[in-house]
N, C-alpha and C. Protein backbone atom coordinates (compact mmCIF):
# COMPACT_ATOMS: atom_id res chain seq x y z
N MET A 1 -7.15 4.36 -15.44
CA MET A 1 -6.38 4.65 -14.44
C MET A 1 -6.01 6.19 -14.26
N THR A 2 -6.81 6.81 -13.37
CA THR A 2 -6.82 8.25 -13.18
C THR A 2 -5.84 8.60 -12.14
N LEU A 3 -5.28 9.92 -12.23
CA LEU A 3 -4.28 10.31 -11.35
C LEU A 3 -4.94 10.26 -9.86
N GLY A 4 -6.31 10.50 -9.78
CA GLY A 4 -7.00 10.53 -8.43
C GLY A 4 -6.73 9.13 -7.73
N VAL A 5 -6.95 8.03 -8.61
CA VAL A 5 -6.71 6.75 -8.09
C VAL A 5 -5.24 6.40 -7.70
N LEU A 6 -4.28 7.03 -8.54
CA LEU A 6 -2.93 6.66 -8.33
C LEU A 6 -2.62 7.43 -7.12
N GLY A 7 -3.07 8.76 -6.93
CA GLY A 7 -2.78 9.33 -5.65
C GLY A 7 -3.35 8.78 -4.41
N GLN A 8 -4.57 8.22 -4.52
CA GLN A 8 -5.16 7.64 -3.41
C GLN A 8 -4.39 6.25 -2.97
N ALA A 9 -3.99 5.62 -4.01
CA ALA A 9 -3.24 4.38 -3.78
C ALA A 9 -1.90 4.68 -3.20
N ALA A 10 -1.09 5.77 -3.59
CA ALA A 10 0.16 6.10 -2.95
C ALA A 10 -0.04 6.69 -1.56
N GLY A 11 -1.05 7.31 -1.31
CA GLY A 11 -1.36 7.79 0.00
C GLY A 11 -1.67 6.60 0.93
N LEU A 12 -2.44 5.76 0.51
CA LEU A 12 -2.97 4.57 1.32
C LEU A 12 -1.67 3.81 1.67
N PHE A 13 -0.78 3.46 0.57
CA PHE A 13 0.42 2.75 0.94
C PHE A 13 1.32 3.37 2.03
N ALA A 14 1.58 4.73 1.68
CA ALA A 14 2.39 5.53 2.74
C ALA A 14 1.92 5.43 4.09
N VAL A 15 0.67 5.61 4.35
CA VAL A 15 0.10 5.75 5.70
C VAL A 15 0.08 4.47 6.35
N THR A 16 -0.10 3.30 5.64
CA THR A 16 -0.23 1.94 6.13
C THR A 16 1.31 1.26 6.31
N ASN A 17 2.23 1.94 5.72
CA ASN A 17 3.60 1.29 5.66
C ASN A 17 4.77 2.15 6.20
N ILE A 18 4.55 3.26 6.82
CA ILE A 18 5.53 4.17 7.18
C ILE A 18 6.51 3.54 8.16
N ASP A 19 5.99 2.72 8.96
CA ASP A 19 6.95 2.01 9.98
C ASP A 19 7.90 1.19 9.40
N ASP A 20 7.57 0.55 8.18
CA ASP A 20 8.40 -0.32 7.51
C ASP A 20 9.78 0.23 7.11
N ILE A 21 9.83 1.66 6.91
CA ILE A 21 11.09 2.18 6.70
C ILE A 21 12.17 2.03 7.73
N VAL A 22 11.72 2.12 8.89
CA VAL A 22 12.55 1.92 10.16
C VAL A 22 13.06 0.55 10.17
N ILE A 23 12.26 -0.42 10.01
CA ILE A 23 12.50 -1.72 10.13
C ILE A 23 13.47 -2.19 8.96
N LEU A 24 13.20 -1.59 7.86
CA LEU A 24 14.13 -1.94 6.58
C LEU A 24 15.52 -1.29 6.95
N ALA A 25 15.65 -0.18 7.49
CA ALA A 25 16.83 0.55 7.84
C ALA A 25 17.66 -0.41 8.69
N LEU A 26 16.86 -1.00 9.74
CA LEU A 26 17.69 -1.86 10.71
C LEU A 26 18.15 -3.15 10.07
N PHE A 27 17.34 -3.73 9.18
CA PHE A 27 17.79 -4.93 8.33
C PHE A 27 19.03 -4.44 7.43
N PHE A 28 18.97 -3.33 6.92
CA PHE A 28 20.13 -2.92 6.01
C PHE A 28 21.33 -2.66 6.87
N ALA A 29 21.25 -2.25 8.12
CA ALA A 29 22.30 -2.08 9.05
C ALA A 29 22.86 -3.41 9.36
N GLN A 30 21.95 -4.50 9.66
CA GLN A 30 22.44 -5.74 10.00
C GLN A 30 23.08 -6.39 8.76
N GLY A 31 22.63 -6.09 7.56
CA GLY A 31 23.22 -6.70 6.49
C GLY A 31 24.61 -5.92 5.72
N ALA A 32 24.96 -4.93 6.44
CA ALA A 32 26.05 -3.99 6.10
C ALA A 32 27.35 -4.89 5.91
N GLY A 33 28.03 -4.81 4.91
CA GLY A 33 29.23 -5.69 4.65
C GLY A 33 28.90 -7.10 4.20
N HIS A 34 27.72 -7.55 4.19
CA HIS A 34 27.36 -8.85 3.75
C HIS A 34 26.97 -8.94 2.21
N ARG A 35 27.64 -9.69 1.49
CA ARG A 35 27.23 -9.80 0.08
C ARG A 35 25.88 -10.43 -0.21
N GLY A 36 25.05 -9.71 -1.01
CA GLY A 36 23.77 -10.26 -1.25
C GLY A 36 22.67 -9.77 -0.24
N ALA A 37 23.09 -8.98 0.75
CA ALA A 37 21.96 -8.47 1.71
C ALA A 37 20.99 -7.62 1.10
N THR A 38 21.36 -6.74 0.29
CA THR A 38 20.30 -5.80 -0.40
C THR A 38 19.38 -6.55 -1.08
N ARG A 39 19.87 -7.57 -1.92
CA ARG A 39 18.83 -8.52 -2.67
C ARG A 39 18.09 -9.13 -1.89
N ALA A 40 18.56 -9.84 -0.70
CA ALA A 40 17.79 -10.60 0.25
C ALA A 40 16.77 -9.80 0.86
N ILE A 41 17.06 -8.55 1.24
CA ILE A 41 16.17 -7.64 1.96
C ILE A 41 15.02 -7.24 0.96
N ALA A 42 15.40 -6.89 -0.29
CA ALA A 42 14.44 -6.46 -1.35
C ALA A 42 13.55 -7.65 -1.70
N VAL A 43 14.06 -8.83 -1.92
CA VAL A 43 13.17 -10.07 -2.23
C VAL A 43 12.24 -10.29 -0.99
N GLY A 44 12.77 -10.26 0.25
CA GLY A 44 12.01 -10.51 1.36
C GLY A 44 10.80 -9.55 1.65
N GLN A 45 11.09 -8.25 1.37
CA GLN A 45 10.17 -7.20 1.37
C GLN A 45 9.01 -7.42 0.31
N TYR A 46 9.56 -7.73 -0.74
CA TYR A 46 8.44 -8.04 -1.87
C TYR A 46 7.68 -9.30 -1.57
N LEU A 47 8.30 -10.37 -1.16
CA LEU A 47 7.59 -11.58 -0.83
C LEU A 47 6.57 -11.28 0.25
N GLY A 48 7.04 -10.61 1.20
CA GLY A 48 6.06 -10.33 2.43
C GLY A 48 4.79 -9.43 2.04
N PHE A 49 5.17 -8.51 1.23
CA PHE A 49 4.09 -7.52 0.91
C PHE A 49 3.21 -8.01 -0.34
N THR A 50 3.78 -8.87 -1.08
CA THR A 50 2.84 -9.48 -2.02
C THR A 50 1.97 -10.39 -1.38
N ALA A 51 2.31 -11.12 -0.23
CA ALA A 51 1.50 -12.08 0.52
C ALA A 51 0.40 -11.17 0.93
N ILE A 52 0.68 -9.98 1.56
CA ILE A 52 -0.33 -9.20 2.14
C ILE A 52 -1.33 -8.76 1.06
N VAL A 53 -0.88 -8.34 -0.15
CA VAL A 53 -1.81 -7.94 -1.12
C VAL A 53 -2.64 -9.04 -1.68
N ALA A 54 -1.98 -10.18 -1.87
CA ALA A 54 -2.67 -11.41 -2.30
C ALA A 54 -3.83 -11.81 -1.37
N VAL A 55 -3.71 -11.80 -0.13
CA VAL A 55 -4.64 -12.04 0.94
C VAL A 55 -5.79 -11.06 0.71
N ALA A 56 -5.45 -9.87 0.66
CA ALA A 56 -6.51 -8.77 0.64
C ALA A 56 -7.23 -8.96 -0.78
N VAL A 57 -6.61 -9.11 -1.77
CA VAL A 57 -7.37 -9.26 -3.02
C VAL A 57 -8.28 -10.53 -2.94
N ALA A 58 -7.79 -11.64 -2.36
CA ALA A 58 -8.63 -12.82 -2.29
C ALA A 58 -9.80 -12.35 -1.40
N ALA A 59 -9.66 -11.73 -0.39
CA ALA A 59 -10.72 -11.39 0.61
C ALA A 59 -11.78 -10.51 -0.04
N ALA A 60 -11.13 -9.54 -0.93
CA ALA A 60 -12.03 -8.71 -1.58
C ALA A 60 -12.95 -9.41 -2.59
N PHE A 61 -12.57 -10.50 -2.96
CA PHE A 61 -13.45 -11.35 -3.98
C PHE A 61 -14.20 -12.35 -3.18
N GLY A 62 -14.18 -12.28 -1.84
CA GLY A 62 -14.82 -13.15 -1.09
C GLY A 62 -14.31 -14.45 -0.57
N ALA A 63 -13.01 -14.60 -0.81
CA ALA A 63 -12.30 -15.90 -0.26
C ALA A 63 -11.42 -15.41 0.86
N THR A 64 -11.55 -16.30 1.82
CA THR A 64 -10.82 -16.04 3.17
C THR A 64 -9.80 -16.98 3.39
N PHE A 65 -8.64 -16.74 3.17
CA PHE A 65 -7.40 -17.66 3.38
C PHE A 65 -6.79 -17.50 4.75
N LEU A 66 -7.08 -16.22 5.26
CA LEU A 66 -6.56 -15.89 6.58
C LEU A 66 -7.67 -15.36 7.49
N PRO A 67 -8.35 -16.21 8.36
CA PRO A 67 -9.38 -15.72 9.17
C PRO A 67 -8.93 -14.55 10.01
N ASP A 68 -9.96 -13.56 10.37
CA ASP A 68 -9.64 -12.58 11.14
C ASP A 68 -8.94 -12.86 12.50
N ALA A 69 -9.50 -13.93 13.04
CA ALA A 69 -9.10 -14.38 14.16
C ALA A 69 -7.51 -14.72 14.28
N ALA A 70 -7.11 -15.16 13.10
CA ALA A 70 -5.63 -15.61 13.13
C ALA A 70 -4.65 -14.43 12.92
N ILE A 71 -5.10 -13.30 12.47
CA ILE A 71 -4.23 -12.17 12.34
C ILE A 71 -3.40 -11.72 13.42
N PRO A 72 -3.98 -11.57 14.62
CA PRO A 72 -3.17 -11.14 15.84
C PRO A 72 -1.99 -12.13 16.08
N TYR A 73 -2.12 -13.46 15.67
CA TYR A 73 -1.11 -14.43 16.02
C TYR A 73 0.15 -14.21 15.05
N LEU A 74 -0.07 -13.45 14.03
CA LEU A 74 1.16 -13.13 13.08
C LEU A 74 2.18 -12.42 14.00
N GLY A 75 1.88 -11.89 15.05
CA GLY A 75 2.83 -11.30 16.01
C GLY A 75 3.82 -12.19 16.49
N LEU A 76 3.58 -13.54 16.56
CA LEU A 76 4.58 -14.56 16.98
C LEU A 76 5.73 -14.54 15.97
N LEU A 77 5.58 -14.26 14.81
CA LEU A 77 6.68 -14.18 13.73
C LEU A 77 7.78 -13.21 14.21
N PRO A 78 7.48 -11.76 14.19
CA PRO A 78 8.60 -10.98 14.71
C PRO A 78 9.07 -11.10 16.10
N LEU A 79 8.14 -11.66 17.00
CA LEU A 79 8.54 -11.83 18.43
C LEU A 79 9.62 -12.89 18.44
N GLY A 80 9.33 -14.07 17.70
CA GLY A 80 10.41 -15.12 17.75
C GLY A 80 11.61 -14.68 17.08
N LEU A 81 11.48 -13.85 15.88
CA LEU A 81 12.81 -13.51 15.36
C LEU A 81 13.67 -12.51 16.22
N GLY A 82 12.80 -11.76 16.95
CA GLY A 82 13.40 -10.72 17.84
C GLY A 82 14.19 -11.38 19.03
N VAL A 83 13.48 -12.42 19.57
CA VAL A 83 14.08 -13.24 20.65
C VAL A 83 15.38 -13.92 20.18
N LYS A 84 15.32 -14.53 19.08
CA LYS A 84 16.46 -15.07 18.44
C LYS A 84 17.61 -14.09 18.29
N ALA A 85 17.37 -12.93 17.74
CA ALA A 85 18.30 -12.02 17.51
C ALA A 85 18.67 -11.43 18.83
N GLY A 86 17.93 -11.25 19.86
CA GLY A 86 18.37 -10.89 21.14
C GLY A 86 19.36 -11.74 21.80
N VAL A 87 19.05 -13.16 21.78
CA VAL A 87 20.05 -14.09 22.29
C VAL A 87 21.25 -13.99 21.64
N GLN A 88 21.36 -13.97 20.34
CA GLN A 88 22.56 -13.81 19.44
C GLN A 88 23.33 -12.56 20.01
N ALA A 89 22.65 -11.52 20.20
CA ALA A 89 23.32 -10.20 20.61
C ALA A 89 23.92 -10.41 21.92
N TRP A 90 23.12 -11.06 22.97
CA TRP A 90 23.67 -11.23 24.20
C TRP A 90 24.93 -12.17 24.29
N ARG A 91 24.99 -13.19 23.40
CA ARG A 91 26.10 -14.12 23.41
C ARG A 91 27.37 -13.43 22.90
N HIS A 92 27.11 -12.37 21.95
CA HIS A 92 28.29 -11.80 21.40
C HIS A 92 28.34 -10.34 21.81
N ARG A 93 27.91 -10.05 23.08
CA ARG A 93 27.93 -8.67 23.56
C ARG A 93 29.35 -8.13 23.72
N HIS A 94 30.32 -9.05 24.01
CA HIS A 94 31.74 -8.55 24.06
C HIS A 94 32.57 -8.45 22.87
N ASP A 95 31.95 -8.82 21.71
CA ASP A 95 32.65 -8.89 20.42
C ASP A 95 32.84 -7.30 20.02
N THR A 96 33.83 -7.14 19.03
CA THR A 96 33.97 -5.92 18.49
C THR A 96 32.85 -5.73 17.40
N GLU A 97 32.59 -4.62 16.87
CA GLU A 97 31.63 -4.34 15.87
C GLU A 97 31.93 -5.30 14.67
N GLU A 98 33.09 -5.34 14.25
CA GLU A 98 33.55 -6.16 13.08
C GLU A 98 33.18 -7.71 13.33
N GLU A 99 33.58 -8.07 14.46
CA GLU A 99 33.42 -9.44 14.97
C GLU A 99 31.92 -9.76 14.88
N ARG A 100 31.19 -8.92 15.54
CA ARG A 100 29.64 -9.05 15.68
C ARG A 100 29.11 -9.03 14.22
N SER A 101 29.37 -8.19 13.32
CA SER A 101 28.85 -8.17 12.08
C SER A 101 29.12 -9.42 11.36
N ALA A 102 30.44 -9.98 11.41
CA ALA A 102 30.79 -11.27 10.76
C ALA A 102 29.97 -12.42 11.21
N GLU A 103 29.73 -12.40 12.59
CA GLU A 103 29.02 -13.52 13.19
C GLU A 103 27.53 -13.64 12.98
N ALA A 104 27.04 -12.45 12.90
CA ALA A 104 25.47 -12.29 12.75
C ALA A 104 25.08 -12.69 11.39
N GLY A 105 25.77 -12.33 10.41
CA GLY A 105 25.42 -12.63 8.98
C GLY A 105 24.33 -11.60 8.61
N GLY A 106 24.14 -11.43 7.49
CA GLY A 106 23.00 -10.77 6.87
C GLY A 106 21.57 -11.29 7.04
N PRO A 107 20.62 -10.35 7.00
CA PRO A 107 19.20 -11.01 7.13
C PRO A 107 18.78 -11.69 5.84
N THR A 108 17.97 -12.79 6.16
CA THR A 108 17.54 -13.68 5.03
C THR A 108 16.21 -13.07 4.44
N ALA A 109 16.04 -13.52 3.28
CA ALA A 109 14.80 -13.12 2.62
C ALA A 109 13.63 -13.59 3.28
N LEU A 110 13.63 -14.78 3.78
CA LEU A 110 12.49 -15.38 4.48
C LEU A 110 12.25 -14.57 5.93
N ALA A 111 13.28 -14.20 6.60
CA ALA A 111 13.17 -13.39 7.81
C ALA A 111 12.46 -12.02 7.58
N VAL A 112 12.90 -11.42 6.48
CA VAL A 112 12.29 -10.03 6.15
C VAL A 112 10.86 -10.25 5.67
N ALA A 113 10.66 -11.24 4.94
CA ALA A 113 9.25 -11.58 4.38
C ALA A 113 8.31 -11.71 5.63
N ALA A 114 8.75 -12.57 6.59
CA ALA A 114 7.96 -12.94 7.79
C ALA A 114 7.79 -11.62 8.61
N VAL A 115 8.62 -10.81 8.81
CA VAL A 115 8.54 -9.53 9.55
C VAL A 115 7.46 -8.60 8.78
N THR A 116 7.70 -8.53 7.48
CA THR A 116 6.93 -7.55 6.64
C THR A 116 5.39 -8.14 6.57
N PHE A 117 5.13 -9.39 6.52
CA PHE A 117 3.84 -9.95 6.46
C PHE A 117 3.14 -9.64 7.81
N ALA A 118 3.86 -9.98 8.88
CA ALA A 118 3.27 -9.93 10.25
C ALA A 118 3.06 -8.51 10.50
N ASN A 119 3.87 -7.35 10.26
CA ASN A 119 3.61 -6.17 10.41
C ASN A 119 2.50 -5.50 9.60
N GLY A 120 2.33 -6.20 8.49
CA GLY A 120 1.23 -5.78 7.53
C GLY A 120 -0.16 -6.51 7.72
N GLY A 121 -0.19 -7.24 8.63
CA GLY A 121 -1.45 -8.05 8.95
C GLY A 121 -2.58 -7.16 9.07
N ASP A 122 -2.37 -6.08 9.86
CA ASP A 122 -3.61 -5.12 10.07
C ASP A 122 -3.97 -4.31 8.89
N ASN A 123 -2.90 -4.19 7.85
CA ASN A 123 -3.21 -3.60 6.72
C ASN A 123 -4.19 -4.34 5.76
N ILE A 124 -4.24 -5.63 5.90
CA ILE A 124 -5.27 -6.36 5.26
C ILE A 124 -6.59 -5.94 5.43
N GLY A 125 -7.06 -5.70 6.62
CA GLY A 125 -8.33 -5.08 7.10
C GLY A 125 -8.60 -3.80 6.53
N VAL A 126 -7.58 -3.02 6.33
CA VAL A 126 -7.83 -1.69 5.51
C VAL A 126 -7.92 -1.83 4.03
N TYR A 127 -7.13 -2.71 3.39
CA TYR A 127 -7.09 -2.89 2.13
C TYR A 127 -8.29 -3.57 1.50
N VAL A 128 -8.95 -4.51 2.13
CA VAL A 128 -10.03 -5.27 1.75
C VAL A 128 -11.27 -4.44 1.29
N PRO A 129 -11.73 -3.49 2.14
CA PRO A 129 -12.87 -2.69 1.64
C PRO A 129 -12.55 -1.77 0.52
N VAL A 130 -11.25 -1.29 0.48
CA VAL A 130 -10.83 -0.44 -0.60
C VAL A 130 -10.90 -1.22 -1.94
N PHE A 131 -10.32 -2.40 -1.83
CA PHE A 131 -10.13 -3.11 -3.08
C PHE A 131 -11.64 -3.57 -3.48
N ALA A 132 -12.40 -3.91 -2.62
CA ALA A 132 -13.80 -4.49 -2.93
C ALA A 132 -14.62 -3.41 -3.59
N THR A 133 -14.44 -2.22 -3.13
CA THR A 133 -15.22 -1.08 -3.99
C THR A 133 -14.56 -0.48 -4.97
N ALA A 134 -13.27 -0.76 -5.29
CA ALA A 134 -12.54 -0.10 -6.45
C ALA A 134 -12.86 -0.81 -7.80
N GLY A 135 -13.34 -2.02 -7.73
CA GLY A 135 -13.58 -2.68 -8.86
C GLY A 135 -12.24 -3.42 -9.46
N VAL A 136 -12.30 -4.13 -10.51
CA VAL A 136 -10.96 -4.81 -10.99
C VAL A 136 -10.04 -3.73 -11.46
N GLY A 137 -10.52 -2.73 -12.27
CA GLY A 137 -9.54 -1.86 -12.77
C GLY A 137 -8.91 -1.01 -11.80
N GLY A 138 -9.75 -0.55 -10.76
CA GLY A 138 -9.07 0.21 -9.68
C GLY A 138 -8.27 -0.76 -8.77
N MET A 139 -8.77 -1.96 -8.44
CA MET A 139 -7.83 -2.73 -7.70
C MET A 139 -6.41 -3.04 -8.40
N THR A 140 -6.48 -3.09 -9.65
CA THR A 140 -5.18 -3.28 -10.37
C THR A 140 -4.35 -2.14 -10.16
N ALA A 141 -4.96 -0.89 -10.35
CA ALA A 141 -4.04 0.21 -10.18
C ALA A 141 -3.46 0.33 -8.77
N TYR A 142 -4.13 -0.07 -7.76
CA TYR A 142 -3.69 0.01 -6.22
C TYR A 142 -2.57 -1.03 -6.25
N VAL A 143 -2.70 -2.20 -6.75
CA VAL A 143 -1.65 -3.17 -6.66
C VAL A 143 -0.40 -2.85 -7.36
N VAL A 144 -0.74 -2.20 -8.55
CA VAL A 144 0.62 -1.74 -9.24
C VAL A 144 1.41 -0.61 -8.52
N VAL A 145 0.60 0.37 -8.08
CA VAL A 145 1.23 1.49 -7.26
C VAL A 145 1.93 0.82 -6.03
N PHE A 146 1.23 -0.05 -5.30
CA PHE A 146 1.67 -0.67 -4.20
C PHE A 146 3.24 -1.35 -4.35
N LEU A 147 3.17 -2.08 -5.51
CA LEU A 147 4.30 -2.73 -5.87
C LEU A 147 5.60 -1.93 -6.25
N VAL A 148 5.23 -0.85 -6.96
CA VAL A 148 6.23 0.15 -7.31
C VAL A 148 6.84 0.84 -6.01
N LEU A 149 5.82 1.08 -5.16
CA LEU A 149 6.30 1.91 -3.89
C LEU A 149 7.03 1.00 -3.06
N VAL A 150 6.90 -0.43 -2.95
CA VAL A 150 7.77 -1.16 -2.33
C VAL A 150 9.33 -0.92 -2.58
N ALA A 151 9.59 -0.80 -3.96
CA ALA A 151 10.93 -0.53 -4.27
C ALA A 151 11.47 0.82 -3.70
N VAL A 152 10.51 1.79 -3.71
CA VAL A 152 10.83 3.07 -3.15
C VAL A 152 11.15 3.08 -1.65
N TRP A 153 10.35 2.06 -0.98
CA TRP A 153 10.51 1.94 0.41
C TRP A 153 11.79 1.29 0.80
N VAL A 154 12.15 0.25 -0.02
CA VAL A 154 13.55 -0.50 0.04
C VAL A 154 14.61 0.50 -0.06
N ALA A 155 14.47 1.27 -1.22
CA ALA A 155 15.55 2.41 -1.36
C ALA A 155 15.64 3.34 -0.16
N ALA A 156 14.41 3.76 0.32
CA ALA A 156 14.52 4.77 1.44
C ALA A 156 15.19 4.08 2.77
N GLY A 157 14.79 2.80 3.07
CA GLY A 157 15.57 2.13 4.18
C GLY A 157 17.01 2.15 3.95
N ARG A 158 17.38 1.72 2.64
CA ARG A 158 18.74 1.70 2.48
C ARG A 158 19.42 2.96 2.64
N TYR A 159 18.87 3.98 2.12
CA TYR A 159 19.29 5.38 2.14
C TYR A 159 19.58 5.80 3.53
N PHE A 160 18.54 5.55 4.41
CA PHE A 160 18.70 5.92 5.83
C PHE A 160 19.77 5.27 6.58
N ALA A 161 19.77 3.90 6.15
CA ALA A 161 21.07 3.10 6.81
C ALA A 161 22.28 3.41 6.55
N THR A 162 22.47 4.10 5.34
CA THR A 162 23.79 4.38 4.90
C THR A 162 24.19 5.86 5.08
N ARG A 163 23.28 6.67 5.63
CA ARG A 163 23.79 8.03 6.09
C ARG A 163 24.85 7.89 7.11
N PRO A 164 25.91 8.59 7.01
CA PRO A 164 27.12 8.40 7.94
C PRO A 164 26.71 8.42 9.39
N ALA A 165 25.80 9.58 9.88
CA ALA A 165 25.50 9.66 11.32
C ALA A 165 24.67 8.40 11.71
N ILE A 166 23.65 8.08 10.86
CA ILE A 166 22.75 7.01 11.06
C ILE A 166 23.55 5.69 11.09
N ALA A 167 24.30 5.55 10.03
CA ALA A 167 25.02 4.29 9.88
C ALA A 167 25.95 4.08 11.09
N LYS A 168 26.51 5.05 11.51
CA LYS A 168 27.42 5.03 12.77
C LYS A 168 26.69 4.43 13.92
N ALA A 169 25.45 5.00 14.31
CA ALA A 169 24.67 4.73 15.28
C ALA A 169 24.15 3.38 15.17
N LEU A 170 23.60 2.93 13.91
CA LEU A 170 23.03 1.65 13.84
C LEU A 170 24.21 0.47 13.90
N SER A 171 25.44 0.97 13.37
CA SER A 171 26.56 0.00 13.57
C SER A 171 26.79 -0.31 14.94
N LYS A 172 26.74 0.69 15.88
CA LYS A 172 26.99 0.53 17.26
C LYS A 172 25.92 -0.14 17.97
N TRP A 173 24.55 0.28 17.70
CA TRP A 173 23.55 -0.17 18.46
C TRP A 173 22.44 -0.98 17.69
N GLY A 174 22.65 -1.27 16.43
CA GLY A 174 21.69 -1.87 15.64
C GLY A 174 21.47 -3.35 16.11
N HIS A 175 22.50 -3.95 16.76
CA HIS A 175 22.26 -5.34 17.13
C HIS A 175 21.38 -5.37 18.34
N VAL A 176 21.25 -4.17 19.17
CA VAL A 176 20.40 -4.17 20.30
C VAL A 176 19.00 -3.73 19.87
N VAL A 177 18.98 -2.60 19.01
CA VAL A 177 17.69 -2.05 18.64
C VAL A 177 16.84 -3.00 17.82
N LEU A 178 17.49 -3.70 16.87
CA LEU A 178 16.67 -4.66 15.99
C LEU A 178 15.92 -5.64 16.84
N PRO A 179 16.45 -6.41 17.74
CA PRO A 179 15.72 -7.33 18.50
C PRO A 179 14.50 -6.59 19.45
N VAL A 180 14.92 -5.48 19.86
CA VAL A 180 14.03 -4.70 20.74
C VAL A 180 12.68 -4.32 19.89
N VAL A 181 13.13 -3.91 18.67
CA VAL A 181 11.92 -3.37 17.82
C VAL A 181 11.02 -4.54 17.43
N LEU A 182 11.72 -5.72 17.04
CA LEU A 182 11.03 -6.94 16.54
C LEU A 182 10.11 -7.43 17.78
N VAL A 183 10.71 -7.60 18.91
CA VAL A 183 9.93 -8.18 20.14
C VAL A 183 8.79 -7.05 20.39
N ALA A 184 8.98 -5.86 20.37
CA ALA A 184 8.07 -4.77 20.76
C ALA A 184 6.85 -4.77 19.60
N LEU A 185 7.37 -5.15 18.27
CA LEU A 185 6.36 -5.14 17.24
C LEU A 185 5.58 -6.40 17.44
N GLY A 186 6.08 -7.57 17.81
CA GLY A 186 5.41 -8.80 17.92
C GLY A 186 4.39 -8.73 19.10
N ALA A 187 4.92 -8.14 20.24
CA ALA A 187 3.99 -7.96 21.30
C ALA A 187 2.84 -7.05 21.03
N PHE A 188 3.26 -5.99 20.34
CA PHE A 188 2.07 -4.97 20.02
C PHE A 188 0.85 -5.62 19.28
N ILE A 189 1.29 -6.42 18.09
CA ILE A 189 0.43 -7.10 17.19
C ILE A 189 -0.36 -8.06 18.04
N LEU A 190 0.21 -8.82 18.94
CA LEU A 190 -0.52 -9.93 19.84
C LEU A 190 -1.58 -9.20 20.75
N VAL A 191 -1.04 -8.06 21.37
CA VAL A 191 -1.88 -7.44 22.46
C VAL A 191 -3.08 -6.73 21.83
N GLU A 192 -2.82 -5.93 20.76
CA GLU A 192 -3.75 -5.17 20.02
C GLU A 192 -4.92 -6.02 19.36
N GLY A 193 -4.40 -7.23 19.00
CA GLY A 193 -5.35 -8.01 18.34
C GLY A 193 -6.12 -9.06 19.33
N GLY A 194 -5.63 -9.04 20.52
CA GLY A 194 -6.29 -9.82 21.53
C GLY A 194 -6.03 -11.22 21.42
N ALA A 195 -4.76 -11.42 20.98
CA ALA A 195 -4.28 -13.00 20.87
C ALA A 195 -4.16 -13.52 22.34
N PHE A 196 -4.32 -14.76 22.56
CA PHE A 196 -4.29 -15.48 23.67
C PHE A 196 -5.02 -14.79 24.94
N GLY A 197 -6.04 -14.11 24.49
CA GLY A 197 -6.98 -13.46 25.37
C GLY A 197 -6.45 -12.15 25.98
N LEU A 198 -5.35 -11.73 25.26
CA LEU A 198 -4.77 -10.39 25.90
C LEU A 198 -5.63 -9.31 25.29
N ARG A 199 -5.72 -8.23 26.01
CA ARG A 199 -6.41 -7.03 25.76
C ARG A 199 -5.61 -5.70 25.94
N PRO A 200 -5.52 -4.83 25.08
CA PRO A 200 -4.84 -3.60 25.37
C PRO A 200 -5.53 -2.82 26.63
N ALA A 201 -4.68 -2.06 27.28
CA ALA A 201 -5.29 -1.43 28.52
C ALA A 201 -6.21 -0.30 27.98
């Protein structure tokens, strides 16, 4: 396990998952004041990312559990969660921040996992050729580095969500921003992947 391989693994993870920090910060804002929210977000992030890595590793060995044609339809996961969050935000639009926070509840591990997996669906296509050419030892190094960096990403999302200025903004607007981000993410995945015959302009 050379430093070169470790550096490449860290770089690949960062490039393919930079947008996850924003989504994690939004989840942490949603979970502010809710017991167990940090654990649920961390568990969900690990579940979702482990599923991405498992599919990529299997595909690198020649097994295809997730056909390429199915990947764009993963966009339905964040799209559905975003619509649900949007409806909830609309119903409680006149509530105070405290009432809204109490009503919304914290994010569940499964919701975080679903968004993480859907958002990383395109990562699979990047990881497969890298894993396939790295050999078993190199692939193991990549997976270990990836799983360590998931914890760093979770910590970064929590850090940003708890900075006073950011926390204040997320507290005020997070209930609006989260569904918008999830719906936009879902739509992007669907359109970019050509799901339902959609094609990007």
